PDB file of N, CA and C in Angstrom:
ATOM      1  N   MET A   1       0.838  -1.176   0.000  1.00  0.00           N
ATOM      2  CA  MET A   1       0.000   0.000   0.000  1.00  0.00           C
ATOM      3  C   MET A   1       0.886   1.243   0.000  1.00  0.00           C
ATOM      4  N   PHE A   2       0.486   2.257  -0.739  1.00  0.00           N
ATOM      5  CA  PHE A   2       1.281   3.478  -0.867  1.00  0.00           C
ATOM      6  C   PHE A   2       1.593   4.108   0.484  1.00  0.00           C
ATOM      7  N   TRP A   3       0.616   4.202   1.379  1.00  0.00           N
ATOM      8  CA  TRP A   3       0.837   4.873   2.659  1.00  0.00           C
ATOM      9  C   TRP A   3       1.885   4.177   3.500  1.00  0.00           C
ATOM     10  N   ASP A   4       2.005   2.859   3.364  1.00  0.00           N
ATOM     11  CA  ASP A   4       3.036   2.135   4.113  1.00  0.00           C
ATOM     12  C   ASP A   4       4.432   2.617   3.728  1.00  0.00           C
ATOM     13  N   LYS A   5       4.591   2.994   2.483  1.00  0.00           N
ATOM     14  CA  LYS A   5       5.895   3.469   2.023  1.00  0.00           C
ATOM     15  C   LYS A   5       6.240   4.831   2.597  1.00  0.00           C
ATOM     16  N   LEU A   6       5.261   5.563   3.078  1.00  0.00           N
ATOM     17  CA  LEU A   6       5.508   6.886   3.635  1.00  0.00           C
ATOM     18  C   LEU A   6       5.860   6.857   5.113  1.00  0.00           C
ATOM     19  N   LYS A   7       5.638   5.726   5.767  1.00  0.00           N
ATOM     20  CA  LYS A   7       5.951   5.654   7.191  1.00  0.00           C
ATOM     21  C   LYS A   7       7.457   5.766   7.388  1.00  0.00           C
ATOM     22  N   PRO A   8       7.885   6.484   8.421  1.00  0.00           N
ATOM     23  CA  PRO A   8       9.318   6.614   8.653  1.00  0.00           C
ATOM     24  C   PRO A   8       9.940   5.256   8.954  1.00  0.00           C
ATOM     25  N   THR A   9      11.156   5.091   8.501  1.00  0.00           N
ATOM     26  CA  THR A   9      11.908   3.885   8.813  1.00  0.00           C
ATOM     27  C   THR A   9      12.980   4.268   9.822  1.00  0.00           C
ATOM     28  N   GLU A  10      13.770   3.319  10.188  1.00  0.00           N
ATOM     29  CA  GLU A  10      14.827   3.575  11.155  1.00  0.00           C
ATOM     30  C   GLU A  10      15.699   4.735  10.682  1.00  0.00           C
ATOM     31  N   ALA A  11      16.004   5.623  11.584  1.00  0.00           N
ATOM     32  CA  ALA A  11      16.834   6.783  11.250  1.00  0.00           C
ATOM     33  C   ALA A  11      18.297   6.457  11.514  1.00  0.00           C
ATOM     34  N   PRO A  12      19.203   7.120  10.795  1.00  0.00           N
ATOM     35  CA  PRO A  12      20.615   6.920  11.077  1.00  0.00           C
ATOM     36  C   PRO A  12      20.954   7.465  12.456  1.00  0.00           C
ATOM     37  N   PRO A  13      22.070   7.041  13.030  1.00  0.00           N
ATOM     38  CA  PRO A  13      22.478   7.592  14.327  1.00  0.00           C
ATOM     39  C   PRO A  13      22.596   9.111  14.255  1.00  0.00           C
ATOM     40  N   ARG A  14      22.511   9.731  15.383  1.00  0.00           N
ATOM     41  CA  ARG A  14      22.575  11.189  15.479  1.00  0.00           C
ATOM     42  C   ARG A  14      23.932  11.720  14.984  1.00  0.00           C
ATOM     43  N   ALA A  15      23.877  12.823  14.237  1.00  0.00           N
ATOM     44  CA  ALA A  15      25.104  13.495  13.797  1.00  0.00           C
ATOM     45  C   ALA A  15      25.627  14.334  14.953  1.00  0.00           C
ATOM     46  N   GLU A  16      26.928  14.282  15.177  1.00  0.00           N
ATOM     47  CA  GLU A  16      27.537  15.094  16.229  1.00  0.00           C
ATOM     48  C   GLU A  16      28.107  16.398  15.687  1.00  0.00           C
ATOM     49  N   ALA A  17      28.591  16.365  14.440  1.00  0.00           N
ATOM     50  CA  ALA A  17      29.182  17.570  13.864  1.00  0.00           C
ATOM     51  C   ALA A  17      29.162  17.487  12.353  1.00  0.00           C
ATOM     52  N   VAL A  18      28.968  18.637  11.730  1.00  0.00           N
ATOM     53  CA  VAL A  18      29.074  18.776  10.279  1.00  0.00           C
ATOM     54  C   VAL A  18      30.095  19.881  10.054  1.00  0.00           C
ATOM     55  N   ASP A  19      31.161  19.551   9.342  1.00  0.00           N
ATOM     56  CA  ASP A  19      32.237  20.509   9.126  1.00  0.00           C
ATOM     57  C   ASP A  19      32.610  20.570   7.656  1.00  0.00           C
ATOM     58  N   VAL A  20      33.191  21.692   7.253  1.00  0.00           N
ATOM     59  CA  VAL A  20      33.784  21.821   5.927  1.00  0.00           C
ATOM     60  C   VAL A  20      35.286  21.743   6.135  1.00  0.00           C
ATOM     61  N   GLU A  21      35.897  20.777   5.477  1.00  0.00           N
ATOM     62  CA  GLU A  21      37.337  20.568   5.590  1.00  0.00           C
ATOM     63  C   GLU A  21      37.928  20.675   4.195  1.00  0.00           C
ATOM     64  N   GLY A  22      38.416  21.856   3.851  1.00  0.00           N
ATOM     65  CA  GLY A  22      38.921  22.076   2.494  1.00  0.00           C
ATOM     66  C   GLY A  22      37.778  21.987   1.504  1.00  0.00           C
ATOM     67  N   GLU A  23      37.846  21.031   0.577  1.00  0.00           N
ATOM     68  CA  GLU A  23      36.794  20.849  -0.422  1.00  0.00           C
ATOM     69  C   GLU A  23      35.876  19.684  -0.062  1.00  0.00           C
ATOM     70  N   THR A  24      35.891  19.281   1.193  1.00  0.00           N
ATOM     71  CA  THR A  24      35.112  18.130   1.646  1.00  0.00           C
ATOM     72  C   THR A  24      34.158  18.537   2.755  1.00  0.00           C
ATOM     73  N   ILE A  25      32.958  17.948   2.713  1.00  0.00           N
ATOM     74  CA  ILE A  25      32.010  18.123   3.807  1.00  0.00           C
ATOM     75  C   ILE A  25      32.053  16.828   4.599  1.00  0.00           C
ATOM     76  N   ALA A  26      32.276  16.949   5.895  1.00  0.00           N
ATOM     77  CA  ALA A  26      32.426  15.779   6.757  1.00  0.00           C
ATOM     78  C   ALA A  26      31.366  15.806   7.856  1.00  0.00           C
ATOM     79  N   VAL A  27      30.789  14.641   8.108  1.00  0.00           N
ATOM     80  CA  VAL A  27      29.819  14.490   9.193  1.00  0.00           C
ATOM     81  C   VAL A  27      30.372  13.438  10.140  1.00  0.00           C
ATOM     82  N   ARG A  28      30.450  13.794  11.409  1.00  0.00           N
ATOM     83  CA  ARG A  28      30.856  12.838  12.445  1.00  0.00           C
ATOM     84  C   ARG A  28      29.590  12.371  13.149  1.00  0.00           C
ATOM     85  N   TRP A  29      29.417  11.046  13.204  1.00  0.00           N
ATOM     86  CA  TRP A  29      28.206  10.452  13.766  1.00  0.00           C
ATOM     87  C   TRP A  29      28.445   9.982  15.188  1.00  0.00           C
ATOM     88  N   ALA A  30      27.378   9.913  15.968  1.00  0.00           N
ATOM     89  CA  ALA A  30      27.457   9.514  17.377  1.00  0.00           C
ATOM     90  C   ALA A  30      28.018   8.103  17.544  1.00  0.00           C
ATOM     91  N   ASP A  31      27.863   7.244  16.532  1.00  0.00           N
ATOM     92  CA  ASP A  31      28.372   5.877  16.646  1.00  0.00           C
ATOM     93  C   ASP A  31      29.826   5.760  16.191  1.00  0.00           C
ATOM     94  N   GLY A  32      30.491   6.899  15.940  1.00  0.00           N
ATOM     95  CA  GLY A  32      31.905   6.893  15.587  1.00  0.00           C
ATOM     96  C   GLY A  32      32.191   6.878  14.092  1.00  0.00           C
ATOM     97  N   LYS A  33      31.201   6.612  13.271  1.00  0.00           N
ATOM     98  CA  LYS A  33      31.427   6.618  11.822  1.00  0.00           C
ATOM     99  C   LYS A  33      31.568   8.051  11.337  1.00  0.00           C
ATOM    100  N   ARG A  34      32.058   8.160  10.110  1.00  0.00           N
ATOM    101  CA  ARG A  34      32.293   9.481   9.519  1.00  0.00           C
ATOM    102  C   ARG A  34      31.895   9.423   8.052  1.00  0.00           C
ATOM    103  N   SER A  35      31.103  10.382   7.628  1.00  0.00           N
ATOM    104  CA  SER A  35      30.748  10.537   6.220  1.00  0.00           C
ATOM    105  C   SER A  35      31.585  11.669   5.663  1.00  0.00           C
ATOM    106  N   GLU A  36      32.196  11.440   4.520  1.00  0.00           N
ATOM    107  CA  GLU A  36      32.946  12.491   3.847  1.00  0.00           C
ATOM    108  C   GLU A  36      32.526  12.505   2.389  1.00  0.00           C
ATOM    109  N   VAL A  37      32.266  13.689   1.870  1.00  0.00           N
ATOM    110  CA  VAL A  37      31.859  13.812   0.476  1.00  0.00           C
ATOM    111  C   VAL A  37      32.427  15.110  -0.087  1.00  0.00           C
ATOM    112  N   PRO A  38      33.013  15.033  -1.284  1.00  0.00           N
ATOM    113  CA  PRO A  38      33.485  16.273  -1.903  1.00  0.00           C
ATOM    114  C   PRO A  38      32.316  17.250  -2.065  1.00  0.00           C
ATOM    115  N   ALA A  39      32.570  18.513  -1.814  1.00  0.00           N
ATOM    116  CA  ALA A  39      31.510  19.526  -1.861  1.00  0.00           C
ATOM    117  C   ALA A  39      30.799  19.521  -3.209  1.00  0.00           C
ATOM    118  N   ARG A  40      31.529  19.438  -4.301  1.00  0.00           N
ATOM    119  CA  ARG A  40      30.882  19.481  -5.618  1.00  0.00           C
ATOM    120  C   ARG A  40      29.969  18.275  -5.816  1.00  0.00           C
ATOM    121  N   ARG A  41      30.405  17.108  -5.361  1.00  0.00           N
ATOM    122  CA  ARG A  41      29.532  15.932  -5.500  1.00  0.00           C
ATOM    123  C   ARG A  41      28.238  16.143  -4.724  1.00  0.00           C
ATOM    124  N   LEU A  42      28.339  16.672  -3.503  1.00  0.00           N
ATOM    125  CA  LEU A  42      27.132  16.897  -2.713  1.00  0.00           C
ATOM    126  C   LEU A  42      26.236  17.925  -3.393  1.00  0.00           C
ATOM    127  N   ARG A  43      26.826  18.951  -3.967  1.00  0.00           N
ATOM    128  CA  ARG A  43      26.028  19.951  -4.703  1.00  0.00           C
ATOM    129  C   ARG A  43      25.320  19.289  -5.886  1.00  0.00           C
ATOM    130  N   LEU A  44      26.027  18.411  -6.610  1.00  0.00           N
ATOM    131  CA  LEU A  44      25.429  17.713  -7.747  1.00  0.00           C
ATOM    132  C   LEU A  44      24.358  16.718  -7.303  1.00  0.00           C
ATOM    133  N   ASP A  45      24.442  16.234  -6.069  1.00  0.00           N
ATOM    134  CA  ASP A  45      23.461  15.299  -5.520  1.00  0.00           C
ATOM    135  C   ASP A  45      22.291  16.010  -4.842  1.00  0.00           C
ATOM    136  N   CYS A  46      22.172  17.313  -5.052  1.00  0.00           N
ATOM    137  CA  CYS A  46      21.099  18.075  -4.407  1.00  0.00           C
ATOM    138  C   CYS A  46      19.740  17.453  -4.724  1.00  0.00           C
ATOM    139  N   PRO A  47      18.929  17.204  -3.687  1.00  0.00           N
ATOM    140  CA  PRO A  47      17.633  16.560  -3.893  1.00  0.00           C
ATOM    141  C   PRO A  47      16.465  17.515  -4.118  1.00  0.00           C
ATOM    142  N   CYS A  48      16.714  18.805  -4.272  1.00  0.00           N
ATOM    143  CA  CYS A  48      15.596  19.752  -4.383  1.00  0.00           C
ATOM    144  C   CYS A  48      14.889  19.632  -5.731  1.00  0.00           C
ATOM    145  N   ALA A  49      13.701  20.201  -5.805  1.00  0.00           N
ATOM    146  CA  ALA A  49      12.868  20.120  -7.014  1.00  0.00           C
ATOM    147  C   ALA A  49      13.487  20.851  -8.202  1.00  0.00           C
ATOM    148  N   ALA A  50      14.395  21.776  -7.971  1.00  0.00           N
ATOM    149  CA  ALA A  50      15.060  22.452  -9.080  1.00  0.00           C
ATOM    150  C   ALA A  50      16.161  21.577  -9.681  1.00  0.00           C
ATOM    151  N   CYS A  51      16.627  20.593  -8.902  1.00  0.00           N
ATOM    152  CA  CYS A  51      17.730  19.743  -9.355  1.00  0.00           C
ATOM    153  C   CYS A  51      17.290  18.329  -9.746  1.00  0.00           C
ATOM    154  N   ILE A  52      16.172  17.857  -9.193  1.00  0.00           N
ATOM    155  CA  ILE A  52      15.662  16.508  -9.455  1.00  0.00           C
ATOM    156  C   ILE A  52      14.163  16.597  -9.728  1.00  0.00           C
ATOM    157  N   ASP A  53      13.708  15.978 -10.795  1.00  0.00           N
ATOM    158  CA  ASP A  53      12.274  15.954 -11.077  1.00  0.00           C
ATOM    159  C   ASP A  53      11.568  15.197  -9.959  1.00  0.00           C
ATOM    160  N   GLU A  54      10.591  15.835  -9.340  1.00  0.00           N
ATOM    161  CA  GLU A  54       9.914  15.249  -8.171  1.00  0.00           C
ATOM    162  C   GLU A  54       9.158  13.966  -8.489  1.00  0.00           C
ATOM    163  N   TRP A  55       8.696  13.805  -9.711  1.00  0.00           N
ATOM    164  CA  TRP A  55       7.892  12.629 -10.064  1.00  0.00           C
ATOM    165  C   TRP A  55       8.707  11.498 -10.650  1.00  0.00           C
ATOM    166  N   THR A  56       9.696  11.842 -11.471  1.00  0.00           N
ATOM    167  CA  THR A  56      10.448  10.772 -12.136  1.00  0.00           C
ATOM    168  C   THR A  56      11.789  10.493 -11.484  1.00  0.00           C
ATOM    169  N   GLY A  57      12.299  11.453 -10.713  1.00  0.00           N
ATOM    170  CA  GLY A  57      13.623  11.305 -10.127  1.00  0.00           C
ATOM    171  C   GLY A  57      14.734  11.625 -11.115  1.00  0.00           C
ATOM    172  N   ALA A  58      14.369  12.052 -12.317  1.00  0.00           N
ATOM    173  CA  ALA A  58      15.364  12.384 -13.342  1.00  0.00           C
ATOM    174  C   ALA A  58      16.117  13.654 -12.954  1.00  0.00           C
ATOM    175  N   PRO A  59      17.424  13.669 -13.181  1.00  0.00           N
ATOM    176  CA  PRO A  59      18.190  14.873 -12.868  1.00  0.00           C
ATOM    177  C   PRO A  59      17.808  16.034 -13.777  1.00  0.00           C
ATOM    178  N   LEU A  60      17.696  17.217 -13.198  1.00  0.00           N
ATOM    179  CA  LEU A  60      17.418  18.435 -13.948  1.00  0.00           C
ATOM    180  C   LEU A  60      18.639  19.349 -13.987  1.00  0.00           C
ATOM    181  N   LEU A  61      19.548  19.141 -13.065  1.00  0.00           N
ATOM    182  CA  LEU A  61      20.731  19.983 -12.936  1.00  0.00           C
ATOM    183  C   LEU A  61      21.776  19.594 -13.983  1.00  0.00           C
ATOM    184  N   ASP A  62      22.262  20.584 -14.728  1.00  0.00           N
ATOM    185  CA  ASP A  62      23.331  20.362 -15.696  1.00  0.00           C
ATOM    186  C   ASP A  62      24.659  20.461 -14.944  1.00  0.00           C
ATOM    187  N   PRO A  63      25.398  19.356 -14.806  1.00  0.00           N
ATOM    188  CA  PRO A  63      26.654  19.381 -14.046  1.00  0.00           C
ATOM    189  C   PRO A  63      27.662  20.407 -14.569  1.00  0.00           C
ATOM    190  N   GLN A  64      27.588  20.735 -15.845  1.00  0.00           N
ATOM    191  CA  GLN A  64      28.527  21.711 -16.407  1.00  0.00           C
ATOM    192  C   GLN A  64      28.260  23.126 -15.891  1.00  0.00           C
ATOM    193  N   ARG A  65      27.079  23.338 -15.317  1.00  0.00           N
ATOM    194  CA  ARG A  65      26.751  24.668 -14.778  1.00  0.00           C
ATOM    195  C   ARG A  65      27.199  24.832 -13.325  1.00  0.00           C
ATOM    196  N   VAL A  66      27.719  23.760 -12.734  1.00  0.00           N
ATOM    197  CA  VAL A  66      28.192  23.818 -11.345  1.00  0.00           C
ATOM    198  C   VAL A  66      29.709  23.983 -11.362  1.00  0.00           C
ATOM    199  N   PRO A  67      30.206  25.086 -10.818  1.00  0.00           N
ATOM    200  CA  PRO A  67      31.656  25.318 -10.833  1.00  0.00           C
ATOM    201  C   PRO A  67      32.424  24.206 -10.117  1.00  0.00           C
ATOM    202  N   ALA A  68      33.609  23.923 -10.605  1.00  0.00           N
ATOM    203  CA  ALA A  68      34.455  22.888  -9.997  1.00  0.00           C
ATOM    204  C   ALA A  68      34.809  23.240  -8.556  1.00  0.00           C
ATOM    205  N   ASP A  69      34.863  24.538  -8.246  1.00  0.00           N
ATOM    206  CA  ASP A  69      35.255  24.964  -6.903  1.00  0.00           C
ATOM    207  C   ASP A  69      34.063  25.363  -6.027  1.00  0.00           C
ATOM    208  N   VAL A  70      32.852  24.874  -6.356  1.00  0.00           N
ATOM    209  CA  VAL A  70      31.677  25.202  -5.554  1.00  0.00           C
ATOM    210  C   VAL A  70      31.912  24.754  -4.104  1.00  0.00           C
ATOM    211  N   ARG A  71      31.431  25.549  -3.170  1.00  0.00           N
ATOM    212  CA  ARG A  71      31.624  25.228  -1.756  1.00  0.00           C
ATOM    213  C   ARG A  71      30.459  25.778  -0.947  1.00  0.00           C
ATOM    214  N   PRO A  72      30.235  25.221   0.226  1.00  0.00           N
ATOM    215  CA  PRO A  72      29.175  25.768   1.081  1.00  0.00           C
ATOM    216  C   PRO A  72      29.608  27.119   1.647  1.00  0.00           C
ATOM    217  N   VAL A  73      28.675  28.049   1.696  1.00  0.00           N
ATOM    218  CA  VAL A  73      28.955  29.333   2.339  1.00  0.00           C
ATOM    219  C   VAL A  73      28.190  29.458   3.657  1.00  0.00           C
ATOM    220  N   ALA A  74      27.165  28.619   3.843  1.00  0.00           N
ATOM    221  CA  ALA A  74      26.418  28.590   5.100  1.00  0.00           C
ATOM    222  C   ALA A  74      25.683  27.262   5.198  1.00  0.00           C
ATOM    223  N   MET A  75      25.496  26.796   6.421  1.00  0.00           N
ATOM    224  CA  MET A  75      24.733  25.578   6.686  1.00  0.00           C
ATOM    225  C   MET A  75      23.854  25.816   7.901  1.00  0.00           C
ATOM    226  N   GLU A  76      22.617  25.313   7.832  1.00  0.00           N
ATOM    227  CA  GLU A  76      21.688  25.452   8.947  1.00  0.00           C
ATOM    228  C   GLU A  76      20.961  24.137   9.162  1.00  0.00           C
ATOM    229  N   ALA A  77      20.728  23.794  10.413  1.00  0.00           N
ATOM    230  CA  ALA A  77      19.930  22.612  10.721  1.00  0.00           C
ATOM    231  C   ALA A  77      18.488  22.852  10.298  1.00  0.00           C
ATOM    232  N   VAL A  78      17.851  21.808   9.809  1.00  0.00           N
ATOM    233  CA  VAL A  78      16.425  21.842   9.461  1.00  0.00           C
ATOM    234  C   VAL A  78      15.759  20.810  10.368  1.00  0.00           C
ATOM    235  N   GLY A  79      15.092  21.294  11.385  1.00  0.00           N
ATOM    236  CA  GLY A  79      14.487  20.385  12.355  1.00  0.00           C
ATOM    237  C   GLY A  79      15.528  19.417  12.894  1.00  0.00           C
ATOM    238  N   ASN A  80      15.106  18.190  13.088  1.00  0.00           N
ATOM    239  CA  ASN A  80      16.013  17.136  13.568  1.00  0.00           C
ATOM    240  C   ASN A  80      16.359  16.154  12.473  1.00  0.00           C
ATOM    241  N   TYR A  81      16.079  16.528  11.209  1.00  0.00           N
ATOM    242  CA  TYR A  81      16.228  15.516  10.167  1.00  0.00           C
ATOM    243  C   TYR A  81      17.164  15.894   9.029  1.00  0.00           C
ATOM    244  N   ALA A  82      17.650  17.121   8.978  1.00  0.00           N
ATOM    245  CA  ALA A  82      18.422  17.511   7.803  1.00  0.00           C
ATOM    246  C   ALA A  82      19.257  18.764   8.055  1.00  0.00           C
ATOM    247  N   VAL A  83      20.022  19.105   7.034  1.00  0.00           N
ATOM    248  CA  VAL A  83      20.789  20.346   7.025  1.00  0.00           C
ATOM    249  C   VAL A  83      20.552  21.011   5.667  1.00  0.00           C
ATOM    250  N   GLN A  84      20.383  22.341   5.687  1.00  0.00           N
ATOM    251  CA  GLN A  84      20.240  23.097   4.452  1.00  0.00           C
ATOM    252  C   GLN A  84      21.567  23.780   4.184  1.00  0.00           C
ATOM    253  N   ILE A  85      22.017  23.687   2.947  1.00  0.00           N
ATOM    254  CA  ILE A  85      23.308  24.263   2.574  1.00  0.00           C
ATOM    255  C   ILE A  85      23.090  25.372   1.559  1.00  0.00           C
ATOM    256  N   ARG A  86      23.721  26.506   1.820  1.00  0.00           N
ATOM    257  CA  ARG A  86      23.772  27.591   0.837  1.00  0.00           C
ATOM    258  C   ARG A  86      25.128  27.482   0.150  1.00  0.00           C
ATOM    259  N   TRP A  87      25.095  27.434  -1.182  1.00  0.00           N
ATOM    260  CA  TRP A  87      26.292  27.176  -1.970  1.00  0.00           C
ATOM    261  C   TRP A  87      26.853  28.449  -2.589  1.00  0.00           C
ATOM    262  N   SER A  88      28.138  28.419  -2.885  1.00  0.00           N
ATOM    263  CA  SER A  88      28.807  29.576  -3.493  1.00  0.00           C
ATOM    264  C   SER A  88      28.294  29.885  -4.894  1.00  0.00           C
ATOM    265  N   ASP A  89      27.593  28.944  -5.544  1.00  0.00           N
ATOM    266  CA  ASP A  89      27.027  29.218  -6.868  1.00  0.00           C
ATOM    267  C   ASP A  89      25.638  29.861  -6.770  1.00  0.00           C
ATOM    268  N   GLY A  90      25.205  30.185  -5.547  1.00  0.00           N
ATOM    269  CA  GLY A  90      23.927  30.850  -5.335  1.00  0.00           C
ATOM    270  C   GLY A  90      22.772  29.910  -5.037  1.00  0.00           C
ATOM    271  N   HIS A  91      22.975  28.614  -5.183  1.00  0.00           N
ATOM    272  CA  HIS A  91      21.899  27.656  -4.926  1.00  0.00           C
ATOM    273  C   HIS A  91      21.701  27.515  -3.413  1.00  0.00           C
ATOM    274  N   GLU A  92      20.422  27.483  -2.980  1.00  0.00           N
ATOM    275  CA  GLU A  92      20.189  27.382  -1.536  1.00  0.00           C
ATOM    276  C   GLU A  92      18.916  26.631  -1.168  1.00  0.00           C
ATOM    277  N   THR A  93      18.313  25.921  -2.097  1.00  0.00           N
ATOM    278  CA  THR A  93      17.058  25.248  -1.777  1.00  0.00           C
ATOM    279  C   THR A  93      17.223  23.777  -1.427  1.00  0.00           C
ATOM    280  N   GLY A  94      18.419  23.256  -1.484  1.00  0.00           N
ATOM    281  CA  GLY A  94      18.629  21.848  -1.180  1.00  0.00           C
ATOM    282  C   GLY A  94      18.624  21.570   0.307  1.00  0.00           C
ATOM    283  N   ILE A  95      17.853  20.581   0.699  1.00  0.00           N
ATOM    284  CA  ILE A  95      17.835  20.115   2.083  1.00  0.00           C
ATOM    285  C   ILE A  95      18.365  18.689   2.073  1.00  0.00           C
ATOM    286  N   TYR A  96      19.474  18.472   2.737  1.00  0.00           N
ATOM    287  CA  TYR A  96      20.157  17.188   2.745  1.00  0.00           C
ATOM    288  C   TYR A  96      19.820  16.467   4.047  1.00  0.00           C
ATOM    289  N   THR A  97      19.093  15.370   3.939  1.00  0.00           N
ATOM    290  CA  THR A  97      18.682  14.642   5.141  1.00  0.00           C
ATOM    291  C   THR A  97      19.877  13.936   5.759  1.00  0.00           C
ATOM    292  N   TRP A  98      19.745  13.632   7.044  1.00  0.00           N
ATOM    293  CA  TRP A  98      20.791  12.860   7.711  1.00  0.00           C
ATOM    294  C   TRP A  98      20.926  11.507   7.027  1.00  0.00           C
ATOM    295  N   ARG A  99      19.812  10.963   6.561  1.00  0.00           N
ATOM    296  CA  ARG A  99      19.824   9.686   5.845  1.00  0.00           C
ATOM    297  C   ARG A  99      20.727   9.786   4.605  1.00  0.00           C
ATOM    298  N   GLN A 100      20.563  10.848   3.819  1.00  0.00           N
ATOM    299  CA  GLN A 100      21.399  11.024   2.631  1.00  0.00           C
ATOM    300  C   GLN A 100      22.860  11.198   3.027  1.00  0.00           C
ATOM    301  N   LEU A 101      23.124  12.024   4.027  1.00  0.00           N
ATOM    302  CA  LEU A 101      24.507  12.265   4.441  1.00  0.00           C
ATOM    303  C   LEU A 101      25.158  10.997   4.989  1.00  0.00           C
ATOM    304  N   ARG A 102      24.387  10.181   5.693  1.00  0.00           N
ATOM    305  CA  ARG A 102      24.930   8.927   6.221  1.00  0.00           C
ATOM    306  C   ARG A 102      25.328   7.983   5.083  1.00  0.00           C
ATOM    307  N   SER A 103      24.634   8.064   3.951  1.00  0.00           N
ATOM    308  CA  SER A 103      24.923   7.151   2.844  1.00  0.00           C
ATOM    309  C   SER A 103      26.326   7.346   2.275  1.00  0.00           C
ATOM    310  N   TYR A 104      26.988   8.454   2.584  1.00  0.00           N
ATOM    311  CA  TYR A 104      28.347   8.689   2.095  1.00  0.00           C
ATOM    312  C   TYR A 104      29.413   8.057   2.988  1.00  0.00           C
ATOM    313  N   ALA A 105      29.033   7.542   4.147  1.00  0.00           N
ATOM    314  CA  ALA A 105      30.001   6.870   5.019  1.00  0.00           C
ATOM    315  C   ALA A 105      30.354   5.512   4.415  1.00  0.00           C
ATOM    316  N   PRO A 106      31.579   5.066   4.568  1.00  0.00           N
ATOM    317  CA  PRO A 106      31.971   3.762   4.015  1.00  0.00           C
ATOM    318  C   PRO A 106      31.056   2.649   4.518  1.00  0.00           C
ATOM    319  N   GLY A 107      30.579   1.827   3.597  1.00  0.00           N
ATOM    320  CA  GLY A 107      29.735   0.695   3.947  1.00  0.00           C
ATOM    321  C   GLY A 107      28.313   1.045   4.334  1.00  0.00           C
ATOM    322  N   GLU A 108      27.864   2.254   4.061  1.00  0.00           N
ATOM    323  CA  GLU A 108      26.550   2.698   4.501  1.00  0.00           C
ATOM    324  C   GLU A 108      25.601   3.005   3.343  1.00  0.00           C
ATOM    325  N   ALA A 109      25.790   2.378   2.201  1.00  0.00           N
ATOM    326  CA  ALA A 109      24.943   2.645   1.034  1.00  0.00           C
ATOM    327  C   ALA A 109      23.469   2.391   1.314  1.00  0.00           C
ATOM    328  N   ALA A 110      23.155   1.556   2.293  1.00  0.00           N
ATOM    329  CA  ALA A 110      21.753   1.266   2.617  1.00  0.00           C
ATOM    330  C   ALA A 110      21.004   2.511   3.063  1.00  0.00           C
ATOM    331  N   TRP A 111      21.723   3.542   3.464  1.00  0.00           N
ATOM    332  CA  TRP A 111      21.068   4.777   3.899  1.00  0.00           C
ATOM    333  C   TRP A 111      20.766   5.712   2.743  1.00  0.00           C
ATOM    334  N   ALA A 112      21.120   5.322   1.525  1.00  0.00           N
ATOM    335  CA  ALA A 112      20.870   6.192   0.371  1.00  0.00           C
ATOM    336  C   ALA A 112      19.393   6.565   0.314  1.00  0.00           C
ATOM    337  N   PRO A 113      19.100   7.766  -0.139  1.00  0.00           N
ATOM    338  CA  PRO A 113      17.697   8.198  -0.214  1.00  0.00           C
ATOM    339  C   PRO A 113      16.850   7.227  -1.025  1.00  0.00           C
ATOM    340  N   ARG A 114      15.613   7.090  -0.585  1.00  0.00           N
ATOM    341  CA  ARG A 114      14.678   6.220  -1.295  1.00  0.00           C
ATOM    342  C   ARG A 114      14.293   6.830  -2.623  1.00  0.00           C
ATOM    343  N   ARG A 115      13.916   5.990  -3.562  1.00  0.00           N
ATOM    344  CA  ARG A 115      13.467   6.471  -4.873  1.00  0.00           C
ATOM    345  C   ARG A 115      12.081   7.070  -4.766  1.00  0.00           C
ATOM    346  N   THR A 116      11.723   7.848  -5.751  1.00  0.00           N
ATOM    347  CA  THR A 116      10.384   8.440  -5.766  1.00  0.00           C
ATOM    348  C   THR A 116       9.355   7.395  -6.162  1.00  0.00           C
ATOM    349  N   ARG A 117       8.081   7.706  -5.946  1.00  0.00           N
ATOM    350  CA  ARG A 117       6.992   6.780  -6.306  1.00  0.00           C
ATOM    351  C   ARG A 117       7.056   6.406  -7.769  1.00  0.00           C
ATOM    352  N   ALA A 118       7.247   7.383  -8.643  1.00  0.00           N
ATOM    353  CA  ALA A 118       7.189   7.133 -10.078  1.00  0.00           C
ATOM    354  C   ALA A 118       8.348   6.264 -10.562  1.00  0.00           C
ATOM    355  N   SER A 119       9.455   6.289  -9.847  1.00  0.00           N
ATOM    356  CA  SER A 119      10.608   5.501 -10.307  1.00  0.00           C
ATOM    357  C   SER A 119      10.613   4.103  -9.725  1.00  0.00           C
ATOM    358  N   GLU A 120       9.668   3.775  -8.859  1.00  0.00           N
ATOM    359  CA  GLU A 120       9.637   2.452  -8.251  1.00  0.00           C
ATOM    360  C   GLU A 120       9.031   1.435  -9.179  1.00  0.00           C
TER     361      GLU A 120
END
């Protein structure tokens, strides 16, 4: 049933810190794991409606329009589930869930964001 797919599943462990280290965004988790992702890759993985088609999951963002040296200029917590990043290229609508950020830790691909309804 569709509604069953909307129920929350197990959440990743709590994030203790999110830092920018050179060209890398690093998240330190309460269980000792660490997610590291190059800033440009995270920008290209933006899940917002301007970057990903909400119904098909198809990418809308042209990677050639994202500068090689893109970096976060500000980050803010969004409730208890995500962080919003403002990027040096002016983009600021992406909300990166802890689930998505956890998926960048070694061996943690199971935390990758779920697909949209239309792509299932």
